[in-house]
Amino acid sequence: MQTLFIPDKIQIDFFDSNNNPLHQDKILIGIRTFANHKNDIDLSPFLTDSLGSLTITSADIKKNLLQQDNNIFRRLNSCKR
């Protein structure tokens, strides 16, 4: 069974219909990984900079995953038994 592969860096740049760089900040990006069995993982939010560019590092992804784990743990703890 294959495990989750986390790349060192993901670079995303936006272009208009004429293939010119789209200099728009705060474009919200989300990443969805699809699991073989269940528990797909959504990673977000990531925002572009003023040049319309976004670099996501493996450290950013790991931080996002840890934050999601903490949110799930808090929600589970708030449930009544």
PDB file of N, CA and C in Angstrom:
ATOM      1  N   MET A   1       0.844  -1.181   0.000  1.00  0.00           N
ATOM      2  CA  MET A   1       0.000   0.000   0.000  1.00  0.00           C
ATOM      3  C   MET A   1       0.888   1.243   0.000  1.00  0.00           C
ATOM      4  N   GLN A   2       0.572   2.188  -0.841  1.00  0.00           N
ATOM      5  CA  GLN A   2       1.355   3.414  -0.945  1.00  0.00           C
ATOM      6  C   GLN A   2       0.950   4.400   0.147  1.00  0.00           C
ATOM      7  N   THR A   3       1.928   5.068   0.724  1.00  0.00           N
ATOM      8  CA  THR A   3       1.660   6.070   1.739  1.00  0.00           C
ATOM      9  C   THR A   3       1.650   7.451   1.099  1.00  0.00           C
ATOM     10  N   LEU A   4       1.278   8.440   1.884  1.00  0.00           N
ATOM     11  CA  LEU A   4       1.206   9.810   1.401  1.00  0.00           C
ATOM     12  C   LEU A   4       2.602  10.323   1.064  1.00  0.00           C
ATOM     13  N   PHE A   5       2.773  10.772  -0.154  1.00  0.00           N
ATOM     14  CA  PHE A   5       4.034  11.363  -0.599  1.00  0.00           C
ATOM     15  C   PHE A   5       3.910  12.871  -0.470  1.00  0.00           C
ATOM     16  N   ILE A   6       4.851  13.497   0.228  1.00  0.00           N
ATOM     17  CA  ILE A   6       4.848  14.949   0.398  1.00  0.00           C
ATOM     18  C   ILE A   6       6.044  15.515  -0.364  1.00  0.00           C
ATOM     19  N   PRO A   7       5.786  16.295  -1.422  1.00  0.00           N
ATOM     20  CA  PRO A   7       6.902  16.869  -2.182  1.00  0.00           C
ATOM     21  C   PRO A   7       7.634  17.942  -1.378  1.00  0.00           C
ATOM     22  N   ASP A   8       8.869  18.214  -1.761  1.00  0.00           N
ATOM     23  CA  ASP A   8       9.651  19.247  -1.085  1.00  0.00           C
ATOM     24  C   ASP A   8       9.049  20.633  -1.310  1.00  0.00           C
ATOM     25  N   LYS A   9       8.541  20.867  -2.544  1.00  0.00           N
ATOM     26  CA  LYS A   9       8.008  22.187  -2.868  1.00  0.00           C
ATOM     27  C   LYS A   9       6.993  22.065  -3.999  1.00  0.00           C
ATOM     28  N   ILE A  10       5.918  22.838  -3.889  1.00  0.00           N
ATOM     29  CA  ILE A  10       4.919  22.967  -4.954  1.00  0.00           C
ATOM     30  C   ILE A  10       4.887  24.446  -5.338  1.00  0.00           C
ATOM     31  N   GLN A  11       5.075  24.731  -6.610  1.00  0.00           N
ATOM     32  CA  GLN A  11       5.043  26.110  -7.102  1.00  0.00           C
ATOM     33  C   GLN A  11       3.824  26.273  -8.009  1.00  0.00           C
ATOM     34  N   ILE A  12       2.967  27.258  -7.694  1.00  0.00           N
ATOM     35  CA  ILE A  12       1.773  27.526  -8.489  1.00  0.00           C
ATOM     36  C   ILE A  12       1.815  28.989  -8.933  1.00  0.00           C
ATOM     37  N   ASP A  13       1.697  29.199 -10.238  1.00  0.00           N
ATOM     38  CA  ASP A  13       1.650  30.543 -10.810  1.00  0.00           C
ATOM     39  C   ASP A  13       0.404  30.645 -11.679  1.00  0.00           C
ATOM     40  N   PHE A  14      -0.238  31.796 -11.647  1.00  0.00           N
ATOM     41  CA  PHE A  14      -1.452  32.008 -12.426  1.00  0.00           C
ATOM     42  C   PHE A  14      -1.166  32.883 -13.634  1.00  0.00           C
ATOM     43  N   PHE A  15      -1.842  32.553 -14.745  1.00  0.00           N
ATOM     44  CA  PHE A  15      -1.696  33.290 -15.989  1.00  0.00           C
ATOM     45  C   PHE A  15      -3.068  33.617 -16.555  1.00  0.00           C
ATOM     46  N   ASP A  16      -3.176  34.722 -17.287  1.00  0.00           N
ATOM     47  CA  ASP A  16      -4.438  35.068 -17.928  1.00  0.00           C
ATOM     48  C   ASP A  16      -4.571  34.290 -19.245  1.00  0.00           C
ATOM     49  N   SER A  17      -5.631  34.546 -19.989  1.00  0.00           N
ATOM     50  CA  SER A  17      -5.904  33.800 -21.226  1.00  0.00           C
ATOM     51  C   SER A  17      -4.871  34.071 -22.318  1.00  0.00           C
ATOM     52  N   ASN A  18      -4.090  35.148 -22.183  1.00  0.00           N
ATOM     53  CA  ASN A  18      -3.022  35.456 -23.145  1.00  0.00           C
ATOM     54  C   ASN A  18      -1.662  34.957 -22.672  1.00  0.00           C
ATOM     55  N   ASN A  19      -1.676  34.145 -21.635  1.00  0.00           N
ATOM     56  CA  ASN A  19      -0.466  33.549 -21.057  1.00  0.00           C
ATOM     57  C   ASN A  19       0.453  34.584 -20.400  1.00  0.00           C
ATOM     58  N   ASN A  20      -0.125  35.694 -19.958  1.00  0.00           N
ATOM     59  CA  ASN A  20       0.619  36.695 -19.193  1.00  0.00           C
ATOM     60  C   ASN A  20       0.427  36.415 -17.704  1.00  0.00           C
ATOM     61  N   PRO A  21       1.454  36.656 -16.892  1.00  0.00           N
ATOM     62  CA  PRO A  21       1.300  36.439 -15.450  1.00  0.00           C
ATOM     63  C   PRO A  21       0.134  37.244 -14.879  1.00  0.00           C
ATOM     64  N   LEU A  22      -0.655  36.609 -14.048  1.00  0.00           N
ATOM     65  CA  LEU A  22      -1.792  37.256 -13.412  1.00  0.00           C
ATOM     66  C   LEU A  22      -1.343  37.720 -12.023  1.00  0.00           C
ATOM     67  N   HIS A  23      -1.121  39.011 -11.887  1.00  0.00           N
ATOM     68  CA  HIS A  23      -0.624  39.581 -10.625  1.00  0.00           C
ATOM     69  C   HIS A  23      -1.803  39.886  -9.702  1.00  0.00           C
ATOM     70  N   GLN A  24      -2.303  38.838  -9.051  1.00  0.00           N
ATOM     71  CA  GLN A  24      -3.450  38.966  -8.158  1.00  0.00           C
ATOM     72  C   GLN A  24      -3.110  38.297  -6.836  1.00  0.00           C
ATOM     73  N   ASP A  25      -3.144  39.077  -5.767  1.00  0.00           N
ATOM     74  CA  ASP A  25      -2.857  38.484  -4.466  1.00  0.00           C
ATOM     75  C   ASP A  25      -4.119  37.903  -3.839  1.00  0.00           C
ATOM     76  N   LYS A  26      -3.903  37.092  -2.847  1.00  0.00           N
ATOM     77  CA  LYS A  26      -4.954  36.495  -2.021  1.00  0.00           C
ATOM     78  C   LYS A  26      -5.925  35.599  -2.791  1.00  0.00           C
ATOM     79  N   ILE A  27      -5.424  34.894  -3.804  1.00  0.00           N
ATOM     80  CA  ILE A  27      -6.214  33.838  -4.435  1.00  0.00           C
ATOM     81  C   ILE A  27      -6.099  32.627  -3.518  1.00  0.00           C
ATOM     82  N   LEU A  28      -7.228  32.100  -3.106  1.00  0.00           N
ATOM     83  CA  LEU A  28      -7.256  30.985  -2.159  1.00  0.00           C
ATOM     84  C   LEU A  28      -7.072  29.664  -2.900  1.00  0.00           C
ATOM     85  N   ILE A  29      -6.118  28.880  -2.428  1.00  0.00           N
ATOM     86  CA  ILE A  29      -5.803  27.586  -3.025  1.00  0.00           C
ATOM     87  C   ILE A  29      -6.007  26.499  -1.974  1.00  0.00           C
ATOM     88  N   GLY A  30      -6.622  25.415  -2.402  1.00  0.00           N
ATOM     89  CA  GLY A  30      -6.770  24.241  -1.553  1.00  0.00           C
ATOM     90  C   GLY A  30      -6.312  23.017  -2.322  1.00  0.00           C
ATOM     91  N   ILE A  31      -5.804  22.035  -1.615  1.00  0.00           N
ATOM     92  CA  ILE A  31      -5.332  20.792  -2.217  1.00  0.00           C
ATOM     93  C   ILE A  31      -6.121  19.648  -1.599  1.00  0.00           C
ATOM     94  N   ARG A  32      -6.626  18.764  -2.449  1.00  0.00           N
ATOM     95  CA  ARG A  32      -7.330  17.570  -1.952  1.00  0.00           C
ATOM     96  C   ARG A  32      -6.570  16.337  -2.408  1.00  0.00           C
ATOM     97  N   THR A  33      -6.211  15.507  -1.453  1.00  0.00           N
ATOM     98  CA  THR A  33      -5.601  14.221  -1.771  1.00  0.00           C
ATOM     99  C   THR A  33      -6.675  13.149  -1.619  1.00  0.00           C
ATOM    100  N   PHE A  34      -6.694  12.211  -2.518  1.00  0.00           N
ATOM    101  CA  PHE A  34      -7.707  11.165  -2.513  1.00  0.00           C
ATOM    102  C   PHE A  34      -7.120   9.867  -1.967  1.00  0.00           C
ATOM    103  N   ALA A  35      -7.752   9.358  -0.936  1.00  0.00           N
ATOM    104  CA  ALA A  35      -7.304   8.118  -0.310  1.00  0.00           C
ATOM    105  C   ALA A  35      -7.858   6.916  -1.068  1.00  0.00           C
ATOM    106  N   ASN A  36      -7.145   5.788  -0.975  1.00  0.00           N
ATOM    107  CA  ASN A  36      -7.616   4.562  -1.624  1.00  0.00           C
ATOM    108  C   ASN A  36      -8.863   4.009  -0.940  1.00  0.00           C
ATOM    109  N   HIS A  37      -8.944   4.153   0.369  1.00  0.00           N
ATOM    110  CA  HIS A  37     -10.052   3.556   1.112  1.00  0.00           C
ATOM    111  C   HIS A  37     -11.024   4.630   1.602  1.00  0.00           C
ATOM    112  N   LYS A  38     -10.598   5.479   2.482  1.00  0.00           N
ATOM    113  CA  LYS A  38     -11.408   6.594   2.961  1.00  0.00           C
ATOM    114  C   LYS A  38     -10.493   7.628   3.591  1.00  0.00           C
ATOM    115  N   ASN A  39     -11.064   8.670   4.110  1.00  0.00           N
ATOM    116  CA  ASN A  39     -10.306   9.738   4.757  1.00  0.00           C
ATOM    117  C   ASN A  39      -9.456  10.553   3.792  1.00  0.00           C
ATOM    118  N   ASP A  40     -10.090  11.071   2.738  1.00  0.00           N
ATOM    119  CA  ASP A  40      -9.402  12.029   1.869  1.00  0.00           C
ATOM    120  C   ASP A  40      -8.905  13.186   2.728  1.00  0.00           C
ATOM    121  N   ILE A  41      -7.833  13.816   2.297  1.00  0.00           N
ATOM    122  CA  ILE A  41      -7.242  14.905   3.072  1.00  0.00           C
ATOM    123  C   ILE A  41      -7.339  16.196   2.272  1.00  0.00           C
ATOM    124  N   ASP A  42      -7.891  17.234   2.898  1.00  0.00           N
ATOM    125  CA  ASP A  42      -7.952  18.565   2.307  1.00  0.00           C
ATOM    126  C   ASP A  42      -6.934  19.447   3.012  1.00  0.00           C
ATOM    127  N   LEU A  43      -6.084  20.085   2.235  1.00  0.00           N
ATOM    128  CA  LEU A  43      -5.074  20.999   2.765  1.00  0.00           C
ATOM    129  C   LEU A  43      -5.419  22.404   2.317  1.00  0.00           C
ATOM    130  N   SER A  44      -5.621  23.291   3.247  1.00  0.00           N
ATOM    131  CA  SER A  44      -5.934  24.679   2.919  1.00  0.00           C
ATOM    132  C   SER A  44      -5.990  25.481   4.204  1.00  0.00           C
ATOM    133  N   PRO A  45      -6.021  26.763   4.177  1.00  0.00           N
ATOM    134  CA  PRO A  45      -5.945  27.629   3.002  1.00  0.00           C
ATOM    135  C   PRO A  45      -4.503  28.027   2.711  1.00  0.00           C
ATOM    136  N   PHE A  46      -4.225  28.199   1.455  1.00  0.00           N
ATOM    137  CA  PHE A  46      -2.963  28.762   0.995  1.00  0.00           C
ATOM    138  C   PHE A  46      -3.325  29.948   0.112  1.00  0.00           C
ATOM    139  N   LEU A  47      -2.612  31.065   0.246  1.00  0.00           N
ATOM    140  CA  LEU A  47      -2.923  32.285  -0.493  1.00  0.00           C
ATOM    141  C   LEU A  47      -1.753  32.710  -1.373  1.00  0.00           C
ATOM    142  N   THR A  48      -2.075  33.210  -2.569  1.00  0.00           N
ATOM    143  CA  THR A  48      -1.034  33.720  -3.454  1.00  0.00           C
ATOM    144  C   THR A  48      -0.495  35.044  -2.928  1.00  0.00           C
ATOM    145  N   ASP A  49       0.711  35.378  -3.354  1.00  0.00           N
ATOM    146  CA  ASP A  49       1.308  36.665  -3.000  1.00  0.00           C
ATOM    147  C   ASP A  49       0.875  37.734  -4.000  1.00  0.00           C
ATOM    148  N   SER A  50       1.438  38.926  -3.899  1.00  0.00           N
ATOM    149  CA  SER A  50       1.031  40.039  -4.760  1.00  0.00           C
ATOM    150  C   SER A  50       1.376  39.811  -6.228  1.00  0.00           C
ATOM    151  N   LEU A  51       2.246  38.849  -6.521  1.00  0.00           N
ATOM    152  CA  LEU A  51       2.589  38.530  -7.905  1.00  0.00           C
ATOM    153  C   LEU A  51       1.730  37.396  -8.465  1.00  0.00           C
ATOM    154  N   GLY A  52       0.770  36.934  -7.678  1.00  0.00           N
ATOM    155  CA  GLY A  52      -0.082  35.834  -8.126  1.00  0.00           C
ATOM    156  C   GLY A  52       0.627  34.502  -8.088  1.00  0.00           C
ATOM    157  N   SER A  53       1.597  34.379  -7.233  1.00  0.00           N
ATOM    158  CA  SER A  53       2.412  33.181  -7.137  1.00  0.00           C
ATOM    159  C   SER A  53       2.250  32.556  -5.756  1.00  0.00           C
ATOM    160  N   LEU A  54       2.398  31.250  -5.702  1.00  0.00           N
ATOM    161  CA  LEU A  54       2.285  30.538  -4.435  1.00  0.00           C
ATOM    162  C   LEU A  54       3.326  29.434  -4.394  1.00  0.00           C
ATOM    163  N   THR A  55       4.087  29.386  -3.329  1.00  0.00           N
ATOM    164  CA  THR A  55       5.028  28.298  -3.082  1.00  0.00           C
ATOM    165  C   THR A  55       4.609  27.618  -1.794  1.00  0.00           C
ATOM    166  N   ILE A  56       4.353  26.318  -1.890  1.00  0.00           N
ATOM    167  CA  ILE A  56       3.979  25.522  -0.723  1.00  0.00           C
ATOM    168  C   ILE A  56       5.119  24.539  -0.475  1.00  0.00           C
ATOM    169  N   THR A  57       5.689  24.586   0.716  1.00  0.00           N
ATOM    170  CA  THR A  57       6.789  23.679   1.058  1.00  0.00           C
ATOM    171  C   THR A  57       6.261  22.476   1.834  1.00  0.00           C
ATOM    172  N   SER A  58       7.100  21.465   1.968  1.00  0.00           N
ATOM    173  CA  SER A  58       6.701  20.293   2.753  1.00  0.00           C
ATOM    174  C   SER A  58       6.442  20.696   4.203  1.00  0.00           C
ATOM    175  N   ALA A  59       7.174  21.692   4.699  1.00  0.00           N
ATOM    176  CA  ALA A  59       6.936  22.177   6.070  1.00  0.00           C
ATOM    177  C   ALA A  59       5.551  22.805   6.181  1.00  0.00           C
ATOM    178  N   ASP A  60       5.115  23.543   5.146  1.00  0.00           N
ATOM    179  CA  ASP A  60       3.767  24.130   5.140  1.00  0.00           C
ATOM    180  C   ASP A  60       2.700  23.039   5.177  1.00  0.00           C
ATOM    181  N   ILE A  61       2.918  21.992   4.401  1.00  0.00           N
ATOM    182  CA  ILE A  61       1.949  20.887   4.339  1.00  0.00           C
ATOM    183  C   ILE A  61       1.886  20.170   5.693  1.00  0.00           C
ATOM    184  N   LYS A  62       3.036  19.889   6.283  1.00  0.00           N
ATOM    185  CA  LYS A  62       3.064  19.209   7.584  1.00  0.00           C
ATOM    186  C   LYS A  62       2.401  20.062   8.662  1.00  0.00           C
ATOM    187  N   LYS A  63       2.651  21.362   8.637  1.00  0.00           N
ATOM    188  CA  LYS A  63       2.019  22.272   9.600  1.00  0.00           C
ATOM    189  C   LYS A  63       0.501  22.258   9.428  1.00  0.00           C
ATOM    190  N   ASN A  64       0.045  22.259   8.171  1.00  0.00           N
ATOM    191  CA  ASN A  64      -1.385  22.224   7.884  1.00  0.00           C
ATOM    192  C   ASN A  64      -2.006  20.919   8.379  1.00  0.00           C
ATOM    193  N   LEU A  65      -1.316  19.802   8.169  1.00  0.00           N
ATOM    194  CA  LEU A  65      -1.818  18.504   8.639  1.00  0.00           C
ATOM    195  C   LEU A  65      -1.899  18.463  10.161  1.00  0.00           C
ATOM    196  N   LEU A  66      -0.885  18.984  10.840  1.00  0.00           N
ATOM    197  CA  LEU A  66      -0.904  19.015  12.308  1.00  0.00           C
ATOM    198  C   LEU A  66      -2.044  19.885  12.831  1.00  0.00           C
ATOM    199  N   GLN A  67      -2.278  21.005  12.176  1.00  0.00           N
ATOM    200  CA  GLN A  67      -3.374  21.891  12.579  1.00  0.00           C
ATOM    201  C   GLN A  67      -4.710  21.184  12.411  1.00  0.00           C
ATOM    202  N   GLN A  68      -4.879  20.432  11.315  1.00  0.00           N
ATOM    203  CA  GLN A  68      -6.116  19.681  11.113  1.00  0.00           C
ATOM    204  C   GLN A  68      -6.289  18.622  12.191  1.00  0.00           C
ATOM    205  N   ASP A  69      -5.207  17.921  12.532  1.00  0.00           N
ATOM    206  CA  ASP A  69      -5.283  16.911  13.592  1.00  0.00           C
ATOM    207  C   ASP A  69      -5.711  17.541  14.906  1.00  0.00           C
ATOM    208  N   ASN A  70      -5.168  18.707  15.232  1.00  0.00           N
ATOM    209  CA  ASN A  70      -5.540  19.389  16.466  1.00  0.00           C
ATOM    210  C   ASN A  70      -7.011  19.802  16.446  1.00  0.00           C
ATOM    211  N   ASN A  71      -7.510  20.274  15.309  1.00  0.00           N
ATOM    212  CA  ASN A  71      -8.913  20.662  15.196  1.00  0.00           C
ATOM    213  C   ASN A  71      -9.835  19.461  15.364  1.00  0.00           C
ATOM    214  N   ILE A  72      -9.470  18.339  14.775  1.00  0.00           N
ATOM    215  CA  ILE A  72     -10.278  17.116  14.910  1.00  0.00           C
ATOM    216  C   ILE A  72     -10.288  16.666  16.367  1.00  0.00           C
ATOM    217  N   PHE A  73      -9.128  16.691  17.014  1.00  0.00           N
ATOM    218  CA  PHE A  73      -9.026  16.277  18.420  1.00  0.00           C
ATOM    219  C   PHE A  73      -9.898  17.170  19.301  1.00  0.00           C
ATOM    220  N   ARG A  74      -9.876  18.494  19.060  1.00  0.00           N
ATOM    221  CA  ARG A  74     -10.703  19.411  19.856  1.00  0.00           C
ATOM    222  C   ARG A  74     -12.190  19.127  19.644  1.00  0.00           C
ATOM    223  N   ARG A  75     -12.583  18.860  18.397  1.00  0.00           N
ATOM    224  CA  ARG A  75     -14.001  18.561  18.127  1.00  0.00           C
ATOM    225  C   ARG A  75     -14.424  17.269  18.804  1.00  0.00           C
ATOM    226  N   LEU A  76     -13.566  16.264  18.777  1.00  0.00           N
ATOM    227  CA  LEU A  76     -13.896  14.987  19.426  1.00  0.00           C
ATOM    228  C   LEU A  76     -14.016  15.180  20.932  1.00  0.00           C
ATOM    229  N   ASN A  77     -13.142  15.991  21.521  1.00  0.00           N
ATOM    230  CA  ASN A  77     -13.187  16.228  22.964  1.00  0.00           C
ATOM    231  C   ASN A  77     -14.437  17.008  23.365  1.00  0.00           C
ATOM    232  N   SER A  78     -14.978  17.801  22.472  1.00  0.00           N
ATOM    233  CA  SER A  78     -16.161  18.592  22.805  1.00  0.00           C
ATOM    234  C   SER A  78     -17.456  17.790  22.700  1.00  0.00           C
ATOM    235  N   CYS A  79     -17.381  16.586  22.120  1.00  0.00           N
ATOM    236  CA  CYS A  79     -18.588  15.760  21.983  1.00  0.00           C
ATOM    237  C   CYS A  79     -18.954  15.182  23.350  1.00  0.00           C
ATOM    238  N   LYS A  80     -20.260  15.108  23.577  1.00  0.00           N
ATOM    239  CA  LYS A  80     -20.728  14.507  24.833  1.00  0.00           C
ATOM    240  C   LYS A  80     -20.756  13.002  24.682  1.00  0.00           C
ATOM    241  N   ARG A  81     -20.462  12.322  25.759  1.00  0.00           N
ATOM    242  CA  ARG A  81     -20.486  10.846  25.732  1.00  0.00           C
ATOM    243  C   ARG A  81     -21.771  10.328  26.281  1.00  0.00           C
TER     244      ARG A  81
END
